[in-house]
């Protein structure tokens, strides 16, 4: 099973994914940010491009590689947790479709008010001793607005205490994993 945990920058996706992976035997994380990190640092000419887009989600190569990464991790794991911040419906639907060719997909979307997301982003930036970036500010607002759309997954209140949030999501995963297959 693939568990897509969508949500805004700074909402707690990676923290939740780490907690779930630690608590669930046979679960691993496939973080699209790892692929993005490499692609951001690779010169455009090595990627066959004249210029890279501002957001690596707009790179078809990134979208292909994150599917490959998740599918490869699924070979040795029962549950693959994928934290992400998609706002493009087409990209998200394509990811879901590709992953569903390998295993069932559970789509969840962490939601919280923009003010809360900004507070969390500011706290992260302060702990990293850096200013909050314009990209983070812009994308967090886009994410919060877009994630009102149910296509991005079943809404999960990210305002819950971390332990409660992890238990809530774990119950959703267990319910989906043990649901009888449709005839």
Protein backbone atom coordinates (compact mmCIF):
# COMPACT_ATOMS: atom_id res chain seq x y z
CA UNK A 1 0.00 0.00 0.00
CA UNK A 2 1.06 3.56 -0.71
CA UNK A 3 0.01 6.25 1.78
CA UNK A 4 0.16 9.68 0.17
CA UNK A 5 0.34 12.33 2.89
CA UNK A 6 -0.26 15.61 1.13
CA UNK A 7 -0.19 18.97 2.86
CA UNK A 8 1.31 22.41 2.93
CA UNK A 9 4.93 23.20 3.55
CA UNK A 10 5.52 23.17 7.31
CA UNK A 11 2.30 21.38 8.24
CA UNK A 12 4.07 18.32 9.67
CA UNK A 13 4.02 15.74 6.86
CA UNK A 14 7.58 14.52 7.30
CA UNK A 15 7.32 14.48 11.09
CA UNK A 16 4.14 12.40 10.82
CA UNK A 17 5.68 10.10 8.20
CA UNK A 18 8.71 9.44 10.44
CA UNK A 19 6.49 8.68 13.41
CA UNK A 20 4.30 6.31 11.38
CA UNK A 21 7.28 4.50 9.83
CA UNK A 22 8.81 4.00 13.28
CA UNK A 23 5.56 2.62 14.70
CA UNK A 24 4.46 0.43 11.80
CA UNK A 25 6.34 -2.79 11.05
CA UNK A 26 7.01 -3.07 7.33
CA UNK A 27 6.57 0.67 6.66
CA UNK A 28 9.12 2.94 4.97
CA UNK A 29 9.20 6.53 3.77
CA UNK A 30 9.66 7.51 0.14
CA UNK A 31 10.30 11.25 0.32
CA UNK A 32 9.98 13.11 -3.01
CA UNK A 33 12.09 15.89 -1.49
CA UNK A 34 15.11 13.59 -1.70
CA UNK A 35 14.73 13.44 -5.49
CA UNK A 36 14.07 17.17 -5.66
CA UNK A 37 17.19 17.89 -3.61
CA UNK A 38 19.36 16.08 -6.16
CA UNK A 39 17.65 17.64 -9.18
CA UNK A 40 17.93 21.16 -7.73
CA UNK A 41 21.69 20.73 -7.48
CA UNK A 42 22.16 19.14 -10.89
CA UNK A 43 23.07 21.59 -13.68
CA UNK A 44 20.26 22.02 -16.23
CA UNK A 45 22.44 20.90 -19.14
CA UNK A 46 23.01 17.51 -17.45
CA UNK A 47 19.24 17.10 -17.29
CA UNK A 48 18.86 17.95 -20.98
CA UNK A 49 17.35 21.35 -20.21
CA UNK A 50 18.27 24.90 -21.06
CA UNK A 51 16.81 26.16 -17.80
CA UNK A 52 15.21 24.42 -14.83
CA UNK A 53 11.77 25.51 -13.59
CA UNK A 54 11.54 27.35 -10.26
CA UNK A 55 9.65 24.41 -8.74
CA UNK A 56 10.98 20.92 -9.43
CA UNK A 57 7.40 19.60 -9.37
CA UNK A 58 7.15 21.13 -12.83
CA UNK A 59 9.90 18.80 -14.05
CA UNK A 60 8.53 15.68 -15.76
CA UNK A 61 11.77 13.91 -14.75
CA UNK A 62 11.08 14.57 -11.06
CA UNK A 63 7.55 13.22 -11.37
CA UNK A 64 8.82 10.03 -13.05
CA UNK A 65 11.60 9.54 -10.53
CA UNK A 66 9.37 9.89 -7.47
CA UNK A 67 7.13 7.12 -8.84
CA UNK A 68 10.17 4.92 -9.47
CA UNK A 69 11.52 5.63 -5.98
CA UNK A 70 8.20 4.72 -4.31
CA UNK A 71 7.72 1.57 -6.41
CA UNK A 72 11.26 0.40 -5.64
CA UNK A 73 10.72 0.94 -1.93
CA UNK A 74 7.45 -0.99 -2.15
CA UNK A 75 9.36 -4.09 -3.25
CA UNK A 76 10.68 -4.50 0.28
CA UNK A 77 7.94 -2.81 2.32
CA UNK A 78 4.30 -3.47 3.05
CA UNK A 79 3.49 0.25 3.42
CA UNK A 80 5.25 3.11 1.64
CA UNK A 81 4.55 6.54 3.15
CA UNK A 82 4.97 9.44 0.71
CA UNK A 83 4.92 12.95 2.27
CA UNK A 84 4.35 15.65 -0.35
CA UNK A 85 3.04 19.15 -1.07
CA UNK A 86 1.19 18.83 -4.37
CA UNK A 87 -1.16 21.58 -5.55
CA UNK A 88 -1.39 20.66 -9.23
CA UNK A 89 -4.37 18.34 -9.71
CA UNK A 90 -2.96 16.82 -12.91
CA UNK A 91 0.41 15.97 -11.38
CA UNK A 92 -1.24 14.50 -8.28
CA UNK A 93 -3.72 12.39 -10.27
CA UNK A 94 -0.91 11.08 -12.47
CA UNK A 95 1.12 10.05 -9.41
CA UNK A 96 -1.87 8.28 -7.88
CA UNK A 97 -2.62 6.47 -11.16
CA UNK A 98 0.96 5.28 -11.60
CA UNK A 99 1.30 4.06 -8.02
CA UNK A 100 -2.08 2.30 -8.14
CA UNK A 101 -0.65 0.05 -10.87
CA UNK A 102 1.58 -1.44 -8.15
CA UNK A 103 -0.53 -1.36 -4.96
CA UNK A 104 -3.58 0.32 -3.38
CA UNK A 105 -3.22 4.04 -2.68
CA UNK A 106 -4.59 5.84 0.38
CA UNK A 107 -4.71 9.62 -0.10
CA UNK A 108 -4.65 11.81 3.00
CA UNK A 109 -4.27 15.58 3.20
CA UNK A 110 -3.13 17.38 6.33
CA UNK A 111 -4.98 20.65 6.75
CA UNK A 112 -4.57 23.66 9.05
CA UNK A 113 -5.22 27.40 8.80
CA UNK A 114 -2.62 29.42 6.91
CA UNK A 115 -1.71 31.34 10.08
CA UNK A 116 -0.77 28.07 11.80
CA UNK A 117 1.26 26.89 8.82
CA UNK A 118 3.13 30.21 8.74
CA UNK A 119 3.88 30.00 12.47
CA UNK A 120 5.33 26.52 11.98
CA UNK A 121 7.39 27.63 8.98
CA UNK A 122 8.73 30.63 10.91
CA UNK A 123 9.67 28.38 13.84
CA UNK A 124 11.47 25.99 11.47
CA UNK A 125 13.34 28.83 9.78
CA UNK A 126 14.33 30.27 13.18
CA UNK A 127 15.60 26.88 14.38
CA UNK A 128 17.67 26.66 11.18
CA UNK A 129 18.90 30.24 11.75
CA UNK A 130 17.65 31.52 8.40
CA UNK A 131 14.92 33.85 7.19
CA UNK A 132 11.65 32.43 5.93
CA UNK A 133 11.93 32.31 2.14
CA UNK A 134 9.57 33.90 -0.36
CA UNK A 135 9.09 30.52 -2.05
CA UNK A 136 7.96 28.97 1.26
CA UNK A 137 5.56 31.85 1.91
CA UNK A 138 4.07 31.71 -1.59
CA UNK A 139 3.82 27.91 -1.78
CA UNK A 140 2.32 27.54 1.69
CA UNK A 141 -0.51 29.90 0.73
CA UNK A 142 -1.04 27.98 -2.53
CA UNK A 143 -1.07 24.67 -0.66
CA UNK A 144 -3.55 25.75 2.00
CA UNK A 145 -5.92 27.09 -0.68
CA UNK A 146 -5.59 24.07 -2.98
CA UNK A 147 -5.95 21.48 -0.26
CA UNK A 148 -9.59 22.42 0.32
CA UNK A 149 -10.17 20.31 -2.82
CA UNK A 150 -10.91 16.66 -1.90
CA UNK A 151 -8.91 15.39 -4.90
CA UNK A 152 -5.78 15.89 -2.75
CA UNK A 153 -6.94 13.36 -0.20
CA UNK A 154 -9.14 12.77 2.78
CA UNK A 155 -8.76 15.82 5.05
CA UNK A 156 -6.94 15.22 8.32
CA UNK A 157 -6.81 17.96 10.95
CA UNK A 158 -3.13 18.78 11.47
CA UNK A 159 -3.98 20.90 14.51
CA UNK A 160 -4.17 17.75 16.64
CA UNK A 161 -1.39 16.92 19.08
CA UNK A 162 1.33 14.90 17.29
CA UNK A 163 0.50 11.66 19.15
CA UNK A 164 -3.21 12.05 18.42
CA UNK A 165 -2.51 12.89 14.76
CA UNK A 166 -0.29 9.81 14.36
CA UNK A 167 -2.92 7.58 16.02
CA UNK A 168 -5.66 9.03 13.80
CA UNK A 169 -3.69 8.43 10.62
CA UNK A 170 -2.55 4.98 11.76
CA UNK A 171 -6.21 4.02 12.28
CA UNK A 172 -7.00 5.23 8.74
CA UNK A 173 -4.14 3.19 7.31
CA UNK A 174 -5.14 0.08 9.26
CA UNK A 175 -8.78 0.42 8.19
CA UNK A 176 -7.75 0.68 4.54
CA UNK A 177 -5.15 -2.11 4.74
CA UNK A 178 -7.59 -4.58 6.24
CA UNK A 179 -10.60 -3.63 4.13
CA UNK A 180 -11.81 -6.50 1.94
CA UNK A 181 -10.99 -6.10 -1.74
CA UNK A 182 -13.85 -5.06 -4.00
CA UNK A 183 -15.24 -7.93 -6.13
